[in-house]
Protein backbone atom coordinates (compact mmCIF):
# COMPACT_ATOMS: atom_id res chain seq x y z
CA UNK A 1 -33.26 60.21 34.58
CA UNK A 2 -36.22 62.16 32.83
CA UNK A 3 -36.53 62.12 29.06
CA UNK A 4 -36.43 65.15 27.16
CA UNK A 5 -39.74 65.95 25.71
CA UNK A 6 -40.84 66.15 22.17
CA UNK A 7 -41.74 69.69 20.99
CA UNK A 8 -45.76 70.35 20.68
CA UNK A 9 -45.05 69.91 16.71
CA UNK A 10 -43.49 66.91 17.28
CA UNK A 11 -46.65 65.08 19.73
CA UNK A 12 -48.45 66.52 16.77
CA UNK A 13 -47.19 64.38 14.29
CA UNK A 14 -46.68 61.22 16.50
CA UNK A 15 -50.40 61.59 17.21
CA UNK A 16 -51.29 61.53 13.85
CA UNK A 17 -49.25 58.56 12.97
CA UNK A 18 -50.84 56.75 15.70
CA UNK A 19 -54.46 58.00 15.01
CA UNK A 20 -53.91 56.93 11.27
CA UNK A 21 -52.45 53.55 12.19
CA UNK A 22 -54.73 52.74 14.84
CA UNK A 23 -57.91 53.85 12.53
CA UNK A 24 -57.02 51.13 10.16
CA UNK A 25 -56.57 48.35 12.99
CA UNK A 26 -59.57 49.44 14.13
CA UNK A 27 -61.80 49.06 10.53
CA UNK A 28 -59.50 45.63 10.16
CA UNK A 29 -61.35 44.42 13.49
CA UNK A 30 -64.52 45.93 12.81
CA UNK A 31 -64.57 43.11 9.74
CA UNK A 32 -63.29 40.90 11.92
CA UNK A 33 -66.54 41.22 14.52
CA UNK A 34 -68.73 41.04 11.45
CA UNK A 35 -68.66 44.74 10.74
CA UNK A 36 -69.57 45.67 14.08
CA UNK A 37 -69.01 49.13 15.05
CA UNK A 38 -65.47 49.33 16.73
CA UNK A 39 -64.96 53.35 18.53
CA UNK A 40 -61.46 54.73 18.70
CA UNK A 41 -59.95 56.81 21.03
CA UNK A 42 -57.83 60.11 20.73
CA UNK A 43 -54.32 58.48 20.69
CA UNK A 44 -52.10 59.31 23.59
CA UNK A 45 -48.47 59.56 22.95
CA UNK A 46 -46.32 58.72 26.41
CA UNK A 47 -42.62 58.85 27.00
CA UNK A 48 -42.05 55.88 29.49
CA UNK A 49 -40.45 52.68 30.52
CA UNK A 50 -41.21 49.66 30.91
CA UNK A 51 -42.50 50.25 34.55
CA UNK A 52 -44.95 53.02 33.89
CA UNK A 53 -45.66 51.85 30.72
CA UNK A 54 -47.88 48.77 32.91
CA UNK A 55 -49.75 51.47 33.98
CA UNK A 56 -50.99 51.57 30.91
CA UNK A 57 -52.55 48.90 30.79
CA UNK A 58 -54.33 48.49 34.45
CA UNK A 59 -51.21 47.71 36.23
CA UNK A 60 -51.52 44.26 37.88
CA UNK A 61 -54.85 43.65 36.20
CA UNK A 62 -55.40 40.33 34.36
CA UNK A 63 -55.20 40.69 30.35
CA UNK A 64 -54.66 38.95 27.21
CA UNK A 65 -51.96 40.65 25.14
CA UNK A 66 -50.25 39.57 21.63
CA UNK A 67 -47.62 41.32 20.12
CA UNK A 68 -45.64 41.46 17.02
CA UNK A 69 -42.10 43.19 16.53
CA UNK A 70 -41.36 45.41 13.60
CA UNK A 71 -39.16 44.83 11.01
CA UNK A 72 -38.32 48.00 8.47
CA UNK A 73 -37.43 51.22 9.50
CA UNK A 74 -38.65 51.17 12.62
CA UNK A 75 -37.31 49.14 15.76
CA UNK A 76 -40.17 48.70 17.85
CA UNK A 77 -43.52 46.26 18.89
CA UNK A 78 -47.27 46.58 17.76
CA UNK A 79 -49.56 45.24 20.74
CA UNK A 80 -52.98 44.69 21.19
CA UNK A 81 -54.40 44.12 24.45
CA UNK A 82 -57.54 43.16 26.13
CA UNK A 83 -58.50 42.87 29.73
CA UNK A 84 -59.32 38.97 30.36
CA UNK A 85 -63.41 39.43 30.29
CA UNK A 86 -63.16 41.14 27.39
CA UNK A 87 -60.08 38.89 25.44
CA UNK A 88 -63.13 35.85 26.40
CA UNK A 89 -65.79 37.97 24.71
CA UNK A 90 -63.74 38.51 21.40
CA UNK A 91 -63.05 34.58 21.39
CA UNK A 92 -66.33 34.08 21.33
CA UNK A 93 -67.33 36.54 18.49
CA UNK A 94 -64.57 35.05 16.11
CA UNK A 95 -65.04 31.93 17.30
CA UNK A 96 -68.90 31.71 16.98
CA UNK A 97 -70.53 29.85 19.91
CA UNK A 98 -69.12 26.19 19.46
CA UNK A 99 -66.98 24.95 22.43
CA UNK A 100 -63.51 25.49 21.59
CA UNK A 101 -59.87 24.42 23.15
CA UNK A 102 -57.79 27.26 24.45
CA UNK A 103 -55.57 26.66 22.00
CA UNK A 104 -58.30 27.63 19.29
CA UNK A 105 -58.91 30.65 21.08
CA UNK A 106 -55.18 31.42 21.37
CA UNK A 107 -54.93 31.57 17.57
CA UNK A 108 -57.94 33.74 16.90
CA UNK A 109 -56.45 36.08 19.26
CA UNK A 110 -53.05 35.75 17.39
CA UNK A 111 -54.35 36.06 13.97
CA UNK A 112 -56.73 38.31 14.87
CA UNK A 113 -53.65 40.57 16.13
CA UNK A 114 -51.91 39.33 13.24
CA UNK A 115 -54.35 41.25 10.52
CA UNK A 116 -54.46 44.38 12.96
CA UNK A 117 -51.03 44.95 13.20
CA UNK A 118 -50.59 44.32 9.49
CA UNK A 119 -53.54 47.22 8.82
CA UNK A 120 -51.59 49.83 10.95
CA UNK A 121 -48.48 49.48 9.60
CA UNK A 122 -49.40 49.29 6.06
CA UNK A 123 -51.05 52.74 6.86
CA UNK A 124 -47.70 53.76 8.64
CA UNK A 125 -46.03 52.91 5.69
CA UNK A 126 -47.99 54.75 2.90
CA UNK A 127 -47.69 57.69 5.43
CA UNK A 128 -43.80 57.42 5.29
CA UNK A 129 -43.18 55.24 2.26
CA UNK A 130 -41.11 52.95 4.37
CA UNK A 131 -41.57 48.93 4.00
CA UNK A 132 -42.97 47.98 6.99
CA UNK A 133 -43.83 44.31 8.51
CA UNK A 134 -45.09 42.56 11.35
CA UNK A 135 -43.24 39.57 13.19
CA UNK A 136 -45.04 35.86 14.27
CA UNK A 137 -47.43 37.22 17.03
CA UNK A 138 -46.38 36.42 20.95
CA UNK A 139 -49.37 35.59 22.72
CA UNK A 140 -49.53 36.11 26.71
CA UNK A 141 -52.04 35.98 29.28
CA UNK A 142 -50.56 37.42 32.56
CA UNK A 143 -50.74 40.72 34.44
CA UNK A 144 -51.12 43.55 32.57
CA UNK A 145 -47.70 44.31 34.17
CA UNK A 146 -45.41 41.20 33.22
CA UNK A 147 -47.13 41.42 29.33
CA UNK A 148 -46.07 44.85 28.80
CA UNK A 149 -42.54 44.23 30.76
CA UNK A 150 -42.06 41.09 27.95
CA UNK A 151 -43.34 42.92 25.34
CA UNK A 152 -40.93 46.19 25.89
CA UNK A 153 -38.00 43.54 26.31
CA UNK A 154 -38.10 43.04 22.51
CA UNK A 155 -37.81 46.44 22.15
CA UNK A 156 -34.17 47.08 20.28
CA UNK A 157 -32.06 49.40 21.94
CA UNK A 158 -32.39 50.98 25.29
CA UNK A 159 -35.64 49.39 26.27
CA UNK A 160 -36.11 52.39 29.67
CA UNK A 161 -36.25 55.43 26.76
CA UNK A 162 -39.62 54.11 24.77
CA UNK A 163 -42.08 56.16 23.13
CA UNK A 164 -45.33 54.78 22.95
CA UNK A 165 -48.61 55.68 21.15
CA UNK A 166 -51.85 54.13 22.54
CA UNK A 167 -55.02 54.33 21.56
CA UNK A 168 -58.08 52.63 23.34
CA UNK A 169 -60.80 50.77 21.10
CA UNK A 170 -64.44 49.86 21.89
CA UNK A 171 -66.49 47.77 20.07
CA UNK A 172 -70.15 47.82 19.74
CA UNK A 173 -70.90 43.72 20.60
CA UNK A 174 -73.12 42.16 23.55
CA UNK A 175 -71.62 42.05 25.51
CA UNK A 176 -68.66 44.97 24.18
CA UNK A 177 -65.19 44.62 23.52
CA UNK A 178 -62.79 47.16 24.76
CA UNK A 179 -58.85 46.62 24.64
CA UNK A 180 -56.00 48.70 23.82
CA UNK A 181 -53.43 49.26 20.94
CA UNK A 182 -50.19 50.19 21.90
CA UNK A 183 -47.34 50.93 19.00
CA UNK A 184 -44.11 50.94 21.13
CA UNK A 185 -41.04 52.21 19.49
CA UNK A 186 -36.90 52.26 20.31
CA UNK A 187 -36.40 55.90 21.11
CA UNK A 188 -34.14 56.63 18.28
CA UNK A 189 -36.95 55.19 15.50
CA UNK A 190 -39.30 57.81 16.96
CA UNK A 191 -36.80 60.65 16.09
CA UNK A 192 -36.36 58.55 12.68
CA UNK A 193 -39.77 58.88 12.37
CA UNK A 194 -39.92 62.14 12.78
CA UNK A 195 -37.25 63.14 10.79
CA UNK A 196 -39.10 60.82 7.47
CA UNK A 197 -42.15 63.05 8.57
CA UNK A 198 -39.84 66.53 8.21
CA UNK A 199 -40.55 68.04 11.75
């Protein structure tokens, strides 16, 4: 069954929320990466189910993702996702050139996701005057399809009806580090957010 589409004004409001939240997240990521420039795409708003959402991350491509449940007035998850080679490049940037085990690499990406998510939710919280907090990060390495399915499965309410706010980032590093930030909201939460914004 197709989902009713938001109005143009509502889509604009959701894009602005994504722009503000992901912009703060990109700034936090830049600081983590030693001040390297992090460029952000224009955010997209997608109404979808878990299967279609997997296409946002590249379908069956190998990826690394860390996601955090949102606690407070919004129900959903915030995900930092990277293709496997980009995740390895980010781990090297965060940990330096020393040899590290998988546990240290996982911890570095999880901590980065925690900092990025906190910056994003803090910005959205200031916009809405809501107190929004991230949970402890969950990190997995799998196909993009599996990762999105697992993350969307954490969203309360009907998992077949979610609103995804998505932005891509590219960090100026050698090699470059690119990935995506996804804010996956349960449908009723997106309506509550729009009502809070007066749209």
